[in-house]
N, C-alpha and C. Protein backbone atom coordinates (compact mmCIF):
# COMPACT_ATOMS: atom_id res chain seq x y z
N UNK A 1 0.83 -1.19 0.00
CA UNK A 1 0.00 0.00 0.00
C UNK A 1 0.87 1.25 0.00
N UNK A 2 1.91 1.25 0.82
CA UNK A 2 2.76 2.43 0.90
C UNK A 2 3.48 2.69 -0.42
N UNK A 3 3.92 1.63 -1.07
CA UNK A 3 4.62 1.80 -2.35
C UNK A 3 3.69 2.38 -3.41
N UNK A 4 2.45 1.93 -3.43
CA UNK A 4 1.49 2.46 -4.40
C UNK A 4 1.19 3.92 -4.12
N UNK A 5 1.02 4.28 -2.86
CA UNK A 5 0.76 5.67 -2.49
C UNK A 5 1.98 6.54 -2.80
N UNK A 6 3.17 5.99 -2.56
CA UNK A 6 4.41 6.72 -2.84
C UNK A 6 4.51 7.05 -4.33
N UNK A 7 4.29 6.05 -5.19
CA UNK A 7 4.40 6.27 -6.62
C UNK A 7 3.31 7.21 -7.13
N UNK A 8 2.11 7.08 -6.60
CA UNK A 8 1.02 7.97 -7.01
C UNK A 8 1.34 9.42 -6.62
N UNK A 9 1.88 9.61 -5.44
CA UNK A 9 2.21 10.96 -4.98
C UNK A 9 3.39 11.51 -5.76
N UNK A 10 4.35 10.66 -6.06
CA UNK A 10 5.50 11.10 -6.84
C UNK A 10 5.06 11.61 -8.22
N UNK A 11 4.17 10.87 -8.85
CA UNK A 11 3.64 11.32 -10.14
C UNK A 11 2.79 12.58 -9.98
N UNK A 12 2.02 12.65 -8.91
CA UNK A 12 1.16 13.81 -8.68
C UNK A 12 1.97 15.08 -8.43
N UNK A 13 3.14 14.96 -7.81
CA UNK A 13 3.97 16.15 -7.57
C UNK A 13 4.50 16.72 -8.87
N UNK A 14 4.50 15.93 -9.92
CA UNK A 14 4.96 16.42 -11.23
C UNK A 14 3.82 16.90 -12.10
N UNK A 15 2.65 16.25 -12.02
CA UNK A 15 1.61 16.51 -13.01
C UNK A 15 0.31 17.08 -12.45
N UNK A 16 0.06 16.98 -11.16
CA UNK A 16 -1.16 17.53 -10.58
C UNK A 16 -0.86 18.89 -9.98
N UNK A 17 -1.52 19.95 -10.44
CA UNK A 17 -1.19 21.29 -9.97
C UNK A 17 -1.37 21.49 -8.46
N UNK A 18 -2.40 20.88 -7.87
CA UNK A 18 -2.63 21.06 -6.44
C UNK A 18 -1.55 20.38 -5.61
N UNK A 19 -1.23 19.16 -5.94
CA UNK A 19 -0.20 18.43 -5.19
C UNK A 19 1.16 19.06 -5.45
N UNK A 20 1.40 19.50 -6.67
CA UNK A 20 2.66 20.17 -7.00
C UNK A 20 2.82 21.43 -6.15
N UNK A 21 1.73 22.15 -5.94
CA UNK A 21 1.76 23.36 -5.12
C UNK A 21 2.10 23.02 -3.67
N UNK A 22 1.48 21.97 -3.11
CA UNK A 22 1.78 21.55 -1.74
C UNK A 22 3.26 21.20 -1.60
N UNK A 23 3.75 20.42 -2.58
CA UNK A 23 5.13 19.95 -2.55
C UNK A 23 6.11 21.12 -2.65
N UNK A 24 5.88 22.02 -3.58
CA UNK A 24 6.77 23.18 -3.75
C UNK A 24 6.77 24.08 -2.52
N UNK A 25 5.59 24.26 -1.91
CA UNK A 25 5.52 25.08 -0.71
C UNK A 25 6.34 24.50 0.42
N UNK A 26 6.30 23.18 0.57
CA UNK A 26 7.10 22.52 1.61
C UNK A 26 8.59 22.64 1.32
N UNK A 27 8.96 22.50 0.05
CA UNK A 27 10.37 22.65 -0.31
C UNK A 27 10.86 24.07 -0.06
N UNK A 28 10.02 25.04 -0.37
CA UNK A 28 10.39 26.45 -0.13
C UNK A 28 10.51 26.75 1.35
N UNK A 29 9.81 25.98 2.18
CA UNK A 29 9.89 26.16 3.63
C UNK A 29 11.13 25.50 4.21
N UNK A 30 11.93 24.85 3.35
CA UNK A 30 13.18 24.27 3.80
C UNK A 30 13.11 22.79 4.16
N UNK A 31 12.01 22.14 3.85
CA UNK A 31 11.89 20.71 4.16
C UNK A 31 12.71 19.90 3.15
N UNK A 32 13.32 18.81 3.61
CA UNK A 32 14.00 17.92 2.65
C UNK A 32 12.98 17.30 1.70
N UNK A 33 13.45 16.90 0.52
CA UNK A 33 12.54 16.39 -0.51
C UNK A 33 11.75 15.17 -0.04
N UNK A 34 12.40 14.25 0.65
CA UNK A 34 11.70 13.04 1.09
C UNK A 34 10.64 13.37 2.13
N UNK A 35 10.93 14.30 3.02
CA UNK A 35 9.97 14.72 4.05
C UNK A 35 8.77 15.40 3.39
N UNK A 36 9.04 16.25 2.41
CA UNK A 36 7.96 16.93 1.69
C UNK A 36 7.08 15.93 0.94
N UNK A 37 7.71 14.91 0.36
CA UNK A 37 6.95 13.90 -0.37
C UNK A 37 6.06 13.09 0.56
N UNK A 38 6.58 12.72 1.72
CA UNK A 38 5.79 11.96 2.69
C UNK A 38 4.64 12.82 3.23
N UNK A 39 4.88 14.09 3.44
CA UNK A 39 3.82 14.99 3.88
C UNK A 39 2.72 15.08 2.82
N UNK A 40 3.11 15.13 1.56
CA UNK A 40 2.13 15.15 0.47
C UNK A 40 1.38 13.83 0.38
N UNK A 41 2.08 12.73 0.67
CA UNK A 41 1.42 11.42 0.69
C UNK A 41 0.30 11.42 1.72
N UNK A 42 0.61 11.93 2.90
CA UNK A 42 -0.38 11.95 3.97
C UNK A 42 -1.56 12.85 3.61
N UNK A 43 -1.25 14.03 3.09
CA UNK A 43 -2.32 14.97 2.70
C UNK A 43 -3.19 14.38 1.60
N UNK A 44 -2.58 13.74 0.63
CA UNK A 44 -3.33 13.11 -0.45
C UNK A 44 -4.21 11.99 0.09
N UNK A 45 -3.70 11.21 1.03
CA UNK A 45 -4.48 10.14 1.64
C UNK A 45 -5.68 10.69 2.40
N UNK A 46 -5.50 11.78 3.12
CA UNK A 46 -6.60 12.39 3.86
C UNK A 46 -7.66 12.92 2.90
N UNK A 47 -7.23 13.57 1.82
CA UNK A 47 -8.17 14.10 0.84
C UNK A 47 -8.93 12.97 0.16
N UNK A 48 -8.23 11.91 -0.23
CA UNK A 48 -8.89 10.79 -0.88
C UNK A 48 -9.88 10.09 0.06
N UNK A 49 -9.52 9.97 1.31
CA UNK A 49 -10.42 9.38 2.30
C UNK A 49 -11.70 10.23 2.43
N UNK A 50 -11.55 11.54 2.49
CA UNK A 50 -12.71 12.42 2.58
C UNK A 50 -13.56 12.34 1.32
N UNK A 51 -12.91 12.20 0.17
CA UNK A 51 -13.65 12.08 -1.08
C UNK A 51 -14.46 10.79 -1.12
N UNK A 52 -13.88 9.70 -0.64
CA UNK A 52 -14.60 8.43 -0.59
C UNK A 52 -15.78 8.52 0.35
N UNK A 53 -15.56 9.15 1.49
CA UNK A 53 -16.62 9.30 2.48
C UNK A 53 -17.79 10.11 1.94
N UNK A 54 -17.50 11.16 1.19
CA UNK A 54 -18.57 12.02 0.67
C UNK A 54 -18.98 11.66 -0.75
N UNK A 55 -18.35 10.64 -1.33
CA UNK A 55 -18.64 10.18 -2.70
C UNK A 55 -18.47 11.31 -3.72
N UNK A 56 -17.40 12.05 -3.57
CA UNK A 56 -17.11 13.17 -4.47
C UNK A 56 -16.04 12.77 -5.48
N UNK A 57 -16.00 13.49 -6.58
CA UNK A 57 -14.95 13.29 -7.56
C UNK A 57 -13.80 14.25 -7.26
N UNK A 58 -12.64 14.00 -7.87
CA UNK A 58 -11.47 14.83 -7.59
C UNK A 58 -11.72 16.28 -7.97
N UNK A 59 -12.26 16.56 -9.14
CA UNK A 59 -12.45 17.95 -9.56
C UNK A 59 -13.57 18.63 -8.78
N UNK A 60 -14.43 17.85 -8.14
CA UNK A 60 -15.50 18.43 -7.34
C UNK A 60 -15.06 18.71 -5.91
N UNK A 61 -13.96 18.07 -5.51
CA UNK A 61 -13.53 18.19 -4.12
C UNK A 61 -13.04 19.62 -3.83
N UNK A 62 -13.38 20.11 -2.69
CA UNK A 62 -12.91 21.42 -2.24
C UNK A 62 -11.56 21.24 -1.57
N UNK A 63 -10.51 21.31 -2.36
CA UNK A 63 -9.16 21.07 -1.88
C UNK A 63 -8.49 22.42 -1.70
N UNK A 64 -8.04 22.67 -0.50
CA UNK A 64 -7.36 23.94 -0.23
C UNK A 64 -5.87 23.73 -0.24
N UNK A 65 -5.14 24.80 -0.35
CA UNK A 65 -3.67 24.69 -0.38
C UNK A 65 -3.08 24.82 1.01
N UNK A 66 -3.88 24.93 2.04
CA UNK A 66 -3.34 25.01 3.39
C UNK A 66 -3.21 23.62 3.97
N UNK A 67 -2.23 23.47 4.82
CA UNK A 67 -1.98 22.15 5.40
C UNK A 67 -2.73 21.89 6.66
């Protein structure tokens, strides 16, 4: 499970604007790359869990850029 989430987040940091923004903000705050990636993994997992709970789609989800 962790490997799948890791790879999904790694791809999302390159191609998804919202996740890319989270990742870049953490890097600008001085976090190491691996720490920033794991933080994005956790945030992505929380967002996906909320989406499943509310049966929402990704583009419909109210995703904020705050942590």
